[in-house]
mmCIF file of all heavy atoms, coordinates in Angstrom:
data_MODEL
# 
_entry.id   MODEL 
# 
loop_
_atom_site.group_PDB 
_atom_site.id 
_atom_site.type_symbol 
_atom_site.label_atom_id 
_atom_site.label_alt_id 
_atom_site.label_comp_id 
_atom_site.label_asym_id 
_atom_site.label_entity_id 
_atom_site.label_seq_id 
_atom_site.pdbx_PDB_ins_code 
_atom_site.Cartn_x 
_atom_site.Cartn_y 
_atom_site.Cartn_z 
_atom_site.occupancy 
_atom_site.B_iso_or_equiv 
_atom_site.pdbx_formal_charge 
_atom_site.auth_seq_id 
_atom_site.auth_comp_id 
_atom_site.auth_asym_id 
_atom_site.auth_atom_id 
_atom_site.pdbx_PDB_model_num 
ATOM 1   N N   . PHE A 1 1  ? -14.951 -19.056 49.861 1.00 0.00 ? 1  PHE A N   1 
ATOM 2   C CA  . PHE A 1 1  ? -15.549 -17.739 49.671 1.00 0.00 ? 1  PHE A CA  1 
ATOM 3   C C   . PHE A 1 1  ? -16.342 -17.348 50.914 1.00 0.00 ? 1  PHE A C   1 
ATOM 4   O O   . PHE A 1 1  ? -16.674 -18.179 51.756 1.00 0.00 ? 1  PHE A O   1 
ATOM 5   C CB  . PHE A 1 1  ? -16.471 -17.737 48.445 1.00 0.00 ? 1  PHE A CB  1 
ATOM 6   C CG  . PHE A 1 1  ? -15.776 -18.096 47.160 1.00 0.00 ? 1  PHE A CG  1 
ATOM 7   C CD1 . PHE A 1 1  ? -16.462 -18.704 46.125 1.00 0.00 ? 1  PHE A CD1 1 
ATOM 8   C CD2 . PHE A 1 1  ? -14.425 -17.831 46.983 1.00 0.00 ? 1  PHE A CD2 1 
ATOM 9   C CE1 . PHE A 1 1  ? -15.829 -19.042 44.937 1.00 0.00 ? 1  PHE A CE1 1 
ATOM 10  C CE2 . PHE A 1 1  ? -13.778 -18.156 45.805 1.00 0.00 ? 1  PHE A CE2 1 
ATOM 11  C CZ  . PHE A 1 1  ? -14.486 -18.764 44.782 1.00 0.00 ? 1  PHE A CZ  1 
ATOM 12  N N   . ILE A 1 2  ? -16.649 -16.077 51.000 1.00 0.00 ? 2  ILE A N   1 
ATOM 13  C CA  . ILE A 1 2  ? -17.428 -15.561 52.116 1.00 0.00 ? 2  ILE A CA  1 
ATOM 14  C C   . ILE A 1 2  ? -18.085 -14.265 51.678 1.00 0.00 ? 2  ILE A C   1 
ATOM 15  O O   . ILE A 1 2  ? -17.599 -13.592 50.757 1.00 0.00 ? 2  ILE A O   1 
ATOM 16  C CB  . ILE A 1 2  ? -16.540 -15.323 53.362 1.00 0.00 ? 2  ILE A CB  1 
ATOM 17  C CG1 . ILE A 1 2  ? -17.385 -15.199 54.632 1.00 0.00 ? 2  ILE A CG1 1 
ATOM 18  C CG2 . ILE A 1 2  ? -15.644 -14.112 53.180 1.00 0.00 ? 2  ILE A CG2 1 
ATOM 19  C CD1 . ILE A 1 2  ? -16.575 -15.204 55.910 1.00 0.00 ? 2  ILE A CD1 1 
ATOM 20  N N   . ARG A 1 3  ? -19.199 -13.899 52.287 1.00 0.00 ? 3  ARG A N   1 
ATOM 21  C CA  . ARG A 1 3  ? -19.852 -12.636 51.928 1.00 0.00 ? 3  ARG A CA  1 
ATOM 22  C C   . ARG A 1 3  ? -18.929 -11.484 52.330 1.00 0.00 ? 3  ARG A C   1 
ATOM 23  O O   . ARG A 1 3  ? -18.164 -11.571 53.291 1.00 0.00 ? 3  ARG A O   1 
ATOM 24  C CB  . ARG A 1 3  ? -21.210 -12.517 52.599 1.00 0.00 ? 3  ARG A CB  1 
ATOM 25  C CG  . ARG A 1 3  ? -21.161 -12.187 54.065 1.00 0.00 ? 3  ARG A CG  1 
ATOM 26  C CD  . ARG A 1 3  ? -22.539 -12.048 54.657 1.00 0.00 ? 3  ARG A CD  1 
ATOM 27  N NE  . ARG A 1 3  ? -22.895 -13.238 55.420 1.00 0.00 ? 3  ARG A NE  1 
ATOM 28  C CZ  . ARG A 1 3  ? -24.118 -13.534 55.817 1.00 0.00 ? 3  ARG A CZ  1 
ATOM 29  N NH1 . ARG A 1 3  ? -25.113 -12.758 55.516 1.00 0.00 ? 3  ARG A NH1 1 
ATOM 30  N NH2 . ARG A 1 3  ? -24.362 -14.619 56.501 1.00 0.00 ? 3  ARG A NH2 1 
ATOM 31  N N   . LYS A 1 4  ? -19.017 -10.402 51.589 1.00 0.00 ? 4  LYS A N   1 
ATOM 32  C CA  . LYS A 1 4  ? -18.214 -9.205  51.840 1.00 0.00 ? 4  LYS A CA  1 
ATOM 33  C C   . LYS A 1 4  ? -16.722 -9.527  51.834 1.00 0.00 ? 4  LYS A C   1 
ATOM 34  O O   . LYS A 1 4  ? -15.962 -8.981  52.628 1.00 0.00 ? 4  LYS A O   1 
ATOM 35  C CB  . LYS A 1 4  ? -18.608 -8.547  53.169 1.00 0.00 ? 4  LYS A CB  1 
ATOM 36  C CG  . LYS A 1 4  ? -20.066 -8.131  53.266 1.00 0.00 ? 4  LYS A CG  1 
ATOM 37  C CD  . LYS A 1 4  ? -20.388 -7.514  54.613 1.00 0.00 ? 4  LYS A CD  1 
ATOM 38  C CE  . LYS A 1 4  ? -21.864 -7.179  54.736 1.00 0.00 ? 4  LYS A CE  1 
ATOM 39  N NZ  . LYS A 1 4  ? -22.204 -6.609  56.068 1.00 0.00 ? 4  LYS A NZ  1 
ATOM 40  N N   . LEU A 1 5  ? -16.293 -10.440 50.942 1.00 0.00 ? 5  LEU A N   1 
ATOM 41  C CA  . LEU A 1 5  ? -14.879 -10.752 50.827 1.00 0.00 ? 5  LEU A CA  1 
ATOM 42  C C   . LEU A 1 5  ? -14.146 -9.495  50.372 1.00 0.00 ? 5  LEU A C   1 
ATOM 43  O O   . LEU A 1 5  ? -14.497 -8.903  49.362 1.00 0.00 ? 5  LEU A O   1 
ATOM 44  C CB  . LEU A 1 5  ? -14.662 -11.881 49.814 1.00 0.00 ? 5  LEU A CB  1 
ATOM 45  C CG  . LEU A 1 5  ? -13.297 -12.555 49.796 1.00 0.00 ? 5  LEU A CG  1 
ATOM 46  C CD1 . LEU A 1 5  ? -13.029 -13.252 51.123 1.00 0.00 ? 5  LEU A CD1 1 
ATOM 47  C CD2 . LEU A 1 5  ? -13.198 -13.550 48.656 1.00 0.00 ? 5  LEU A CD2 1 
ATOM 48  N N   . PRO A 1 6  ? -13.131 -9.044  51.127 1.00 0.00 ? 6  PRO A N   1 
ATOM 49  C CA  . PRO A 1 6  ? -12.459 -7.774  50.810 1.00 0.00 ? 6  PRO A CA  1 
ATOM 50  C C   . PRO A 1 6  ? -11.902 -7.742  49.392 1.00 0.00 ? 6  PRO A C   1 
ATOM 51  O O   . PRO A 1 6  ? -11.311 -8.718  48.925 1.00 0.00 ? 6  PRO A O   1 
ATOM 52  C CB  . PRO A 1 6  ? -11.323 -7.720  51.843 1.00 0.00 ? 6  PRO A CB  1 
ATOM 53  C CG  . PRO A 1 6  ? -11.792 -8.576  52.973 1.00 0.00 ? 6  PRO A CG  1 
ATOM 54  C CD  . PRO A 1 6  ? -12.598 -9.672  52.337 1.00 0.00 ? 6  PRO A CD  1 
ATOM 55  N N   . HIS A 1 7  ? -12.095 -6.606  48.718 1.00 0.00 ? 7  HIS A N   1 
ATOM 56  C CA  . HIS A 1 7  ? -11.615 -6.472  47.341 1.00 0.00 ? 7  HIS A CA  1 
ATOM 57  C C   . HIS A 1 7  ? -10.099 -6.618  47.264 1.00 0.00 ? 7  HIS A C   1 
ATOM 58  O O   . HIS A 1 7  ? -9.576  -7.207  46.316 1.00 0.00 ? 7  HIS A O   1 
ATOM 59  C CB  . HIS A 1 7  ? -12.040 -5.121  46.759 1.00 0.00 ? 7  HIS A CB  1 
ATOM 60  C CG  . HIS A 1 7  ? -13.519 -5.005  46.549 1.00 0.00 ? 7  HIS A CG  1 
ATOM 61  N ND1 . HIS A 1 7  ? -14.198 -5.783  45.639 1.00 0.00 ? 7  HIS A ND1 1 
ATOM 62  C CD2 . HIS A 1 7  ? -14.459 -4.220  47.134 1.00 0.00 ? 7  HIS A CD2 1 
ATOM 63  C CE1 . HIS A 1 7  ? -15.493 -5.481  45.664 1.00 0.00 ? 7  HIS A CE1 1 
ATOM 64  N NE2 . HIS A 1 7  ? -15.669 -4.541  46.568 1.00 0.00 ? 7  HIS A NE2 1 
ATOM 65  N N   . ASN A 1 8  ? -9.375  -6.060  48.255 1.00 0.00 ? 8  ASN A N   1 
ATOM 66  C CA  . ASN A 1 8  ? -7.921  -6.191  48.253 1.00 0.00 ? 8  ASN A CA  1 
ATOM 67  C C   . ASN A 1 8  ? -7.502  -7.652  48.297 1.00 0.00 ? 8  ASN A C   1 
ATOM 68  O O   . ASN A 1 8  ? -6.508  -8.052  47.690 1.00 0.00 ? 8  ASN A O   1 
ATOM 69  C CB  . ASN A 1 8  ? -7.318  -5.458  49.463 1.00 0.00 ? 8  ASN A CB  1 
ATOM 70  C CG  . ASN A 1 8  ? -7.358  -3.950  49.298 1.00 0.00 ? 8  ASN A CG  1 
ATOM 71  O OD1 . ASN A 1 8  ? -7.448  -3.446  48.179 1.00 0.00 ? 8  ASN A OD1 1 
ATOM 72  N ND2 . ASN A 1 8  ? -7.291  -3.228  50.391 1.00 0.00 ? 8  ASN A ND2 1 
ATOM 73  N N   . LEU A 1 9  ? -8.262  -8.444  49.020 1.00 0.00 ? 9  LEU A N   1 
ATOM 74  C CA  . LEU A 1 9  ? -7.945  -9.863  49.138 1.00 0.00 ? 9  LEU A CA  1 
ATOM 75  C C   . LEU A 1 9  ? -8.213  -10.582 47.822 1.00 0.00 ? 9  LEU A C   1 
ATOM 76  O O   . LEU A 1 9  ? -7.431  -11.435 47.398 1.00 0.00 ? 9  LEU A O   1 
ATOM 77  C CB  . LEU A 1 9  ? -8.793  -10.481 50.256 1.00 0.00 ? 9  LEU A CB  1 
ATOM 78  C CG  . LEU A 1 9  ? -8.226  -11.705 50.966 1.00 0.00 ? 9  LEU A CG  1 
ATOM 79  C CD1 . LEU A 1 9  ? -6.838  -11.427 51.516 1.00 0.00 ? 9  LEU A CD1 1 
ATOM 80  C CD2 . LEU A 1 9  ? -9.145  -12.143 52.075 1.00 0.00 ? 9  LEU A CD2 1 
ATOM 81  N N   . ILE A 1 10 ? -9.309  -10.234 47.158 1.00 0.00 ? 10 ILE A N   1 
ATOM 82  C CA  . ILE A 1 10 ? -9.617  -10.840 45.858 1.00 0.00 ? 10 ILE A CA  1 
ATOM 83  C C   . ILE A 1 10 ? -8.532  -10.485 44.849 1.00 0.00 ? 10 ILE A C   1 
ATOM 84  O O   . ILE A 1 10 ? -8.066  -11.334 44.084 1.00 0.00 ? 10 ILE A O   1 
ATOM 85  C CB  . ILE A 1 10 ? -10.993 -10.374 45.358 1.00 0.00 ? 10 ILE A CB  1 
ATOM 86  C CG1 . ILE A 1 10 ? -12.093 -10.915 46.282 1.00 0.00 ? 10 ILE A CG1 1 
ATOM 87  C CG2 . ILE A 1 10 ? -11.231 -10.840 43.926 1.00 0.00 ? 10 ILE A CG2 1 
ATOM 88  C CD1 . ILE A 1 10 ? -13.480 -10.430 45.923 1.00 0.00 ? 10 ILE A CD1 1 
ATOM 89  N N   . ASP A 1 11 ? -8.096  -9.222  44.854 1.00 0.00 ? 11 ASP A N   1 
ATOM 90  C CA  . ASP A 1 11 ? -7.045  -8.797  43.924 1.00 0.00 ? 11 ASP A CA  1 
ATOM 91  C C   . ASP A 1 11 ? -5.738  -9.536  44.196 1.00 0.00 ? 11 ASP A C   1 
ATOM 92  O O   . ASP A 1 11 ? -5.061  -9.989  43.278 1.00 0.00 ? 11 ASP A O   1 
ATOM 93  C CB  . ASP A 1 11 ? -6.816  -7.290  44.041 1.00 0.00 ? 11 ASP A CB  1 
ATOM 94  C CG  . ASP A 1 11 ? -7.979  -6.483  43.489 1.00 0.00 ? 11 ASP A CG  1 
ATOM 95  O OD1 . ASP A 1 11 ? -8.749  -7.044  42.690 1.00 0.00 ? 11 ASP A OD1 1 
ATOM 96  O OD2 . ASP A 1 11 ? -8.143  -5.309  43.878 1.00 0.00 ? 11 ASP A OD2 1 
ATOM 97  N N   . ALA A 1 12 ? -5.372  -9.656  45.492 1.00 0.00 ? 12 ALA A N   1 
ATOM 98  C CA  . ALA A 1 12 ? -4.113  -10.298 45.850 1.00 0.00 ? 12 ALA A CA  1 
ATOM 99  C C   . ALA A 1 12 ? -4.131  -11.790 45.524 1.00 0.00 ? 12 ALA A C   1 
ATOM 100 O O   . ALA A 1 12 ? -3.133  -12.355 45.089 1.00 0.00 ? 12 ALA A O   1 
ATOM 101 C CB  . ALA A 1 12 ? -3.811  -10.084 47.334 1.00 0.00 ? 12 ALA A CB  1 
ATOM 102 N N   . PHE A 1 13 ? -5.280  -12.432 45.724 1.00 0.00 ? 13 PHE A N   1 
ATOM 103 C CA  . PHE A 1 13 ? -5.395  -13.866 45.500 1.00 0.00 ? 13 PHE A CA  1 
ATOM 104 C C   . PHE A 1 13 ? -5.923  -14.196 44.105 1.00 0.00 ? 13 PHE A C   1 
ATOM 105 O O   . PHE A 1 13 ? -6.286  -15.337 43.843 1.00 0.00 ? 13 PHE A O   1 
ATOM 106 C CB  . PHE A 1 13 ? -6.326  -14.498 46.555 1.00 0.00 ? 13 PHE A CB  1 
ATOM 107 C CG  . PHE A 1 13 ? -5.642  -14.836 47.840 1.00 0.00 ? 13 PHE A CG  1 
ATOM 108 C CD1 . PHE A 1 13 ? -5.307  -13.831 48.737 1.00 0.00 ? 13 PHE A CD1 1 
ATOM 109 C CD2 . PHE A 1 13 ? -5.308  -16.137 48.155 1.00 0.00 ? 13 PHE A CD2 1 
ATOM 110 C CE1 . PHE A 1 13 ? -4.679  -14.131 49.937 1.00 0.00 ? 13 PHE A CE1 1 
ATOM 111 C CE2 . PHE A 1 13 ? -4.672  -16.445 49.345 1.00 0.00 ? 13 PHE A CE2 1 
ATOM 112 C CZ  . PHE A 1 13 ? -4.349  -15.445 50.236 1.00 0.00 ? 13 PHE A CZ  1 
ATOM 113 N N   . ARG A 1 14 ? -5.932  -13.206 43.220 1.00 0.00 ? 14 ARG A N   1 
ATOM 114 C CA  . ARG A 1 14 ? -6.548  -13.432 41.914 1.00 0.00 ? 14 ARG A CA  1 
ATOM 115 C C   . ARG A 1 14 ? -5.875  -14.570 41.155 1.00 0.00 ? 14 ARG A C   1 
ATOM 116 O O   . ARG A 1 14 ? -6.548  -15.412 40.544 1.00 0.00 ? 14 ARG A O   1 
ATOM 117 C CB  . ARG A 1 14 ? -6.493  -12.146 41.074 1.00 0.00 ? 14 ARG A CB  1 
ATOM 118 C CG  . ARG A 1 14 ? -7.236  -12.313 39.751 1.00 0.00 ? 14 ARG A CG  1 
ATOM 119 C CD  . ARG A 1 14 ? -7.416  -10.972 39.049 1.00 0.00 ? 14 ARG A CD  1 
ATOM 120 N NE  . ARG A 1 14 ? -8.088  -10.008 39.896 1.00 0.00 ? 14 ARG A NE  1 
ATOM 121 C CZ  . ARG A 1 14 ? -9.378  -10.010 40.150 1.00 0.00 ? 14 ARG A CZ  1 
ATOM 122 N NH1 . ARG A 1 14 ? -10.139 -10.957 39.632 1.00 0.00 ? 14 ARG A NH1 1 
ATOM 123 N NH2 . ARG A 1 14 ? -9.917  -9.085  40.911 1.00 0.00 ? 14 ARG A NH2 1 
ATOM 124 N N   . SER A 1 15 ? -4.548  -14.623 41.194 1.00 0.00 ? 15 SER A N   1 
ATOM 125 C CA  . SER A 1 15 ? -3.854  -15.676 40.449 1.00 0.00 ? 15 SER A CA  1 
ATOM 126 C C   . SER A 1 15 ? -4.218  -17.058 40.974 1.00 0.00 ? 15 SER A C   1 
ATOM 127 O O   . SER A 1 15 ? -4.277  -18.033 40.221 1.00 0.00 ? 15 SER A O   1 
ATOM 128 C CB  . SER A 1 15 ? -2.334  -15.484 40.541 1.00 0.00 ? 15 SER A CB  1 
ATOM 129 O OG  . SER A 1 15 ? -1.888  -15.568 41.885 1.00 0.00 ? 15 SER A OG  1 
ATOM 130 N N   . THR A 1 16 ? -4.484  -17.141 42.288 1.00 0.00 ? 16 THR A N   1 
ATOM 131 C CA  . THR A 1 16 ? -4.896  -18.409 42.873 1.00 0.00 ? 16 THR A CA  1 
ATOM 132 C C   . THR A 1 16 ? -6.340  -18.724 42.515 1.00 0.00 ? 16 THR A C   1 
ATOM 133 O O   . THR A 1 16 ? -6.676  -19.841 42.101 1.00 0.00 ? 16 THR A O   1 
ATOM 134 C CB  . THR A 1 16 ? -4.737  -18.359 44.410 1.00 0.00 ? 16 THR A CB  1 
ATOM 135 O OG1 . THR A 1 16 ? -3.374  -18.118 44.720 1.00 0.00 ? 16 THR A OG1 1 
ATOM 136 C CG2 . THR A 1 16 ? -5.185  -19.658 45.036 1.00 0.00 ? 16 THR A CG2 1 
ATOM 137 N N   . LEU A 1 17 ? -7.212  -17.730 42.687 1.00 0.00 ? 17 LEU A N   1 
ATOM 138 C CA  . LEU A 1 17 ? -8.629  -17.946 42.426 1.00 0.00 ? 17 LEU A CA  1 
ATOM 139 C C   . LEU A 1 17 ? -8.900  -18.240 40.956 1.00 0.00 ? 17 LEU A C   1 
ATOM 140 O O   . LEU A 1 17 ? -9.838  -18.970 40.624 1.00 0.00 ? 17 LEU A O   1 
ATOM 141 C CB  . LEU A 1 17 ? -9.424  -16.721 42.870 1.00 0.00 ? 17 LEU A CB  1 
ATOM 142 C CG  . LEU A 1 17 ? -9.460  -16.449 44.377 1.00 0.00 ? 17 LEU A CG  1 
ATOM 143 C CD1 . LEU A 1 17 ? -10.082 -15.095 44.669 1.00 0.00 ? 17 LEU A CD1 1 
ATOM 144 C CD2 . LEU A 1 17 ? -10.220 -17.540 45.107 1.00 0.00 ? 17 LEU A CD2 1 
ATOM 145 N N   . GLU A 1 18 ? -8.072  -17.682 40.077 1.00 0.00 ? 18 GLU A N   1 
ATOM 146 C CA  . GLU A 1 18 ? -8.315  -17.879 38.654 1.00 0.00 ? 18 GLU A CA  1 
ATOM 147 C C   . GLU A 1 18 ? -7.978  -19.285 38.184 1.00 0.00 ? 18 GLU A C   1 
ATOM 148 O O   . GLU A 1 18 ? -8.207  -19.629 37.027 1.00 0.00 ? 18 GLU A O   1 
ATOM 149 C CB  . GLU A 1 18 ? -7.559  -16.838 37.829 1.00 0.00 ? 18 GLU A CB  1 
ATOM 150 C CG  . GLU A 1 18 ? -8.224  -15.464 37.872 1.00 0.00 ? 18 GLU A CG  1 
ATOM 151 C CD  . GLU A 1 18 ? -7.533  -14.424 37.005 1.00 0.00 ? 18 GLU A CD  1 
ATOM 152 O OE1 . GLU A 1 18 ? -6.457  -14.733 36.460 1.00 0.00 ? 18 GLU A OE1 1 
ATOM 153 O OE2 . GLU A 1 18 ? -8.067  -13.312 36.883 1.00 0.00 ? 18 GLU A OE2 1 
ATOM 154 N N   . GLU A 1 19 ? -7.432  -20.111 39.091 1.00 0.00 ? 19 GLU A N   1 
ATOM 155 C CA  . GLU A 1 19 ? -7.285  -21.526 38.757 1.00 0.00 ? 19 GLU A CA  1 
ATOM 156 C C   . GLU A 1 19 ? -8.640  -22.117 38.373 1.00 0.00 ? 19 GLU A C   1 
ATOM 157 O O   . GLU A 1 19 ? -8.718  -23.036 37.563 1.00 0.00 ? 19 GLU A O   1 
ATOM 158 C CB  . GLU A 1 19 ? -6.700  -22.285 39.943 1.00 0.00 ? 19 GLU A CB  1 
ATOM 159 C CG  . GLU A 1 19 ? -5.209  -22.136 40.138 1.00 0.00 ? 19 GLU A CG  1 
ATOM 160 C CD  . GLU A 1 19 ? -4.410  -22.820 39.048 1.00 0.00 ? 19 GLU A CD  1 
ATOM 161 O OE1 . GLU A 1 19 ? -4.524  -24.054 38.913 1.00 0.00 ? 19 GLU A OE1 1 
ATOM 162 O OE2 . GLU A 1 19 ? -3.690  -22.124 38.311 1.00 0.00 ? 19 GLU A OE2 1 
ATOM 163 N N   . VAL A 1 20 ? -9.693  -21.556 38.971 1.00 0.00 ? 20 VAL A N   1 
ATOM 164 C CA  . VAL A 1 20 ? -11.049 -22.018 38.664 1.00 0.00 ? 20 VAL A CA  1 
ATOM 165 C C   . VAL A 1 20 ? -11.375 -21.744 37.199 1.00 0.00 ? 20 VAL A C   1 
ATOM 166 O O   . VAL A 1 20 ? -12.014 -22.562 36.526 1.00 0.00 ? 20 VAL A O   1 
ATOM 167 C CB  . VAL A 1 20 ? -12.079 -21.315 39.572 1.00 0.00 ? 20 VAL A CB  1 
ATOM 168 C CG1 . VAL A 1 20 ? -13.489 -21.804 39.255 1.00 0.00 ? 20 VAL A CG1 1 
ATOM 169 C CG2 . VAL A 1 20 ? -11.749 -21.561 41.031 1.00 0.00 ? 20 VAL A CG2 1 
ATOM 170 N N   . CYS A 1 21 ? -10.931 -20.597 36.706 1.00 0.00 ? 21 CYS A N   1 
ATOM 171 C CA  . CYS A 1 21 ? -11.247 -20.207 35.329 1.00 0.00 ? 21 CYS A CA  1 
ATOM 172 C C   . CYS A 1 21 ? -10.611 -21.150 34.313 1.00 0.00 ? 21 CYS A C   1 
ATOM 173 O O   . CYS A 1 21 ? -11.157 -21.362 33.228 1.00 0.00 ? 21 CYS A O   1 
ATOM 174 C CB  . CYS A 1 21 ? -10.782 -18.770 35.060 1.00 0.00 ? 21 CYS A CB  1 
ATOM 175 S SG  . CYS A 1 21 ? -11.506 -17.532 36.158 1.00 0.00 ? 21 CYS A SG  1 
ATOM 176 N N   . TYR A 1 22 ? -9.442  -21.703 34.674 1.00 0.00 ? 22 TYR A N   1 
ATOM 177 C CA  . TYR A 1 22 ? -8.724  -22.549 33.725 1.00 0.00 ? 22 TYR A CA  1 
ATOM 178 C C   . TYR A 1 22 ? -9.028  -24.026 33.907 1.00 0.00 ? 22 TYR A C   1 
ATOM 179 O O   . TYR A 1 22 ? -8.518  -24.860 33.160 1.00 0.00 ? 22 TYR A O   1 
ATOM 180 C CB  . TYR A 1 22 ? -7.219  -22.302 33.855 1.00 0.00 ? 22 TYR A CB  1 
ATOM 181 C CG  . TYR A 1 22 ? -6.831  -20.885 33.498 1.00 0.00 ? 22 TYR A CG  1 
ATOM 182 C CD1 . TYR A 1 22 ? -6.556  -19.944 34.483 1.00 0.00 ? 22 TYR A CD1 1 
ATOM 183 C CD2 . TYR A 1 22 ? -6.757  -20.474 32.168 1.00 0.00 ? 22 TYR A CD2 1 
ATOM 184 C CE1 . TYR A 1 22 ? -6.222  -18.643 34.161 1.00 0.00 ? 22 TYR A CE1 1 
ATOM 185 C CE2 . TYR A 1 22 ? -6.420  -19.173 31.839 1.00 0.00 ? 22 TYR A CE2 1 
ATOM 186 C CZ  . TYR A 1 22 ? -6.154  -18.258 32.842 1.00 0.00 ? 22 TYR A CZ  1 
ATOM 187 O OH  . TYR A 1 22 ? -5.818  -16.967 32.519 1.00 0.00 ? 22 TYR A OH  1 
ATOM 188 N N   . ALA A 1 23 ? -9.824  -24.350 34.899 1.00 0.00 ? 23 ALA A N   1 
ATOM 189 C CA  . ALA A 1 23 ? -10.221 -25.745 35.091 1.00 0.00 ? 23 ALA A CA  1 
ATOM 190 C C   . ALA A 1 23 ? -11.221 -26.149 34.015 1.00 0.00 ? 23 ALA A C   1 
ATOM 191 O O   . ALA A 1 23 ? -11.903 -25.310 33.421 1.00 0.00 ? 23 ALA A O   1 
ATOM 192 C CB  . ALA A 1 23 ? -10.834 -25.932 36.479 1.00 0.00 ? 23 ALA A CB  1 
ATOM 193 N N   . ASP A 1 24 ? -11.305 -27.445 33.764 1.00 0.00 ? 24 ASP A N   1 
ATOM 194 C CA  . ASP A 1 24 ? -12.251 -27.950 32.767 1.00 0.00 ? 24 ASP A CA  1 
ATOM 195 C C   . ASP A 1 24 ? -13.668 -28.042 33.327 1.00 0.00 ? 24 ASP A C   1 
ATOM 196 O O   . ASP A 1 24 ? -14.651 -27.812 32.626 1.00 0.00 ? 24 ASP A O   1 
ATOM 197 C CB  . ASP A 1 24 ? -11.810 -29.340 32.287 1.00 0.00 ? 24 ASP A CB  1 
ATOM 198 C CG  . ASP A 1 24 ? -10.430 -29.314 31.653 1.00 0.00 ? 24 ASP A CG  1 
ATOM 199 O OD1 . ASP A 1 24 ? -10.268 -28.606 30.644 1.00 0.00 ? 24 ASP A OD1 1 
ATOM 200 O OD2 . ASP A 1 24 ? -9.528  -29.989 32.170 1.00 0.00 ? 24 ASP A OD2 1 
ATOM 201 N N   . TYR A 1 25 ? -13.758 -28.362 34.628 1.00 0.00 ? 25 TYR A N   1 
ATOM 202 C CA  . TYR A 1 25 ? -15.052 -28.528 35.283 1.00 0.00 ? 25 TYR A CA  1 
ATOM 203 C C   . TYR A 1 25 ? -14.968 -27.954 36.696 1.00 0.00 ? 25 TYR A C   1 
ATOM 204 O O   . TYR A 1 25 ? -13.874 -27.690 37.213 1.00 0.00 ? 25 TYR A O   1 
ATOM 205 C CB  . TYR A 1 25 ? -15.449 -30.014 35.365 1.00 0.00 ? 25 TYR A CB  1 
ATOM 206 C CG  . TYR A 1 25 ? -15.441 -30.722 34.035 1.00 0.00 ? 25 TYR A CG  1 
ATOM 207 C CD1 . TYR A 1 25 ? -14.290 -31.380 33.589 1.00 0.00 ? 25 TYR A CD1 1 
ATOM 208 C CD2 . TYR A 1 25 ? -16.564 -30.739 33.216 1.00 0.00 ? 25 TYR A CD2 1 
ATOM 209 C CE1 . TYR A 1 25 ? -14.265 -32.032 32.364 1.00 0.00 ? 25 TYR A CE1 1 
ATOM 210 C CE2 . TYR A 1 25 ? -16.556 -31.391 31.990 1.00 0.00 ? 25 TYR A CE2 1 
ATOM 211 C CZ  . TYR A 1 25 ? -15.399 -32.030 31.573 1.00 0.00 ? 25 TYR A CZ  1 
ATOM 212 O OH  . TYR A 1 25 ? -15.380 -32.663 30.352 1.00 0.00 ? 25 TYR A OH  1 
ATOM 213 N N   . ILE A 1 26 ? -16.113 -27.776 37.314 1.00 0.00 ? 26 ILE A N   1 
ATOM 214 C CA  . ILE A 1 26 ? -16.170 -27.228 38.671 1.00 0.00 ? 26 ILE A CA  1 
ATOM 215 C C   . ILE A 1 26 ? -16.949 -28.186 39.569 1.00 0.00 ? 26 ILE A C   1 
ATOM 216 O O   . ILE A 1 26 ? -18.011 -28.689 39.185 1.00 0.00 ? 26 ILE A O   1 
ATOM 217 C CB  . ILE A 1 26 ? -16.842 -25.844 38.672 1.00 0.00 ? 26 ILE A CB  1 
ATOM 218 C CG1 . ILE A 1 26 ? -15.934 -24.830 37.978 1.00 0.00 ? 26 ILE A CG1 1 
ATOM 219 C CG2 . ILE A 1 26 ? -17.153 -25.379 40.094 1.00 0.00 ? 26 ILE A CG2 1 
ATOM 220 C CD1 . ILE A 1 26 ? -16.559 -23.461 37.815 1.00 0.00 ? 26 ILE A CD1 1 
ATOM 221 N N   . ILE A 1 27 ? -16.390 -28.430 40.749 1.00 0.00 ? 27 ILE A N   1 
ATOM 222 C CA  . ILE A 1 27 ? -17.105 -29.165 41.797 1.00 0.00 ? 27 ILE A CA  1 
ATOM 223 C C   . ILE A 1 27 ? -17.466 -28.164 42.877 1.00 0.00 ? 27 ILE A C   1 
ATOM 224 O O   . ILE A 1 27 ? -16.590 -27.587 43.526 1.00 0.00 ? 27 ILE A O   1 
ATOM 225 C CB  . ILE A 1 27 ? -16.245 -30.305 42.377 1.00 0.00 ? 27 ILE A CB  1 
ATOM 226 C CG1 . ILE A 1 27 ? -15.978 -31.361 41.299 1.00 0.00 ? 27 ILE A CG1 1 
ATOM 227 C CG2 . ILE A 1 27 ? -16.941 -30.936 43.586 1.00 0.00 ? 27 ILE A CG2 1 
ATOM 228 C CD1 . ILE A 1 27 ? -15.078 -32.498 41.774 1.00 0.00 ? 27 ILE A CD1 1 
# 
């Protein structure tokens, strides 16, 4: 992650980033 991460980038990478949502725990 980084500050001011572009919204278009978050939308495009949402399926990748949402792996966090389906994980059991976070490191």
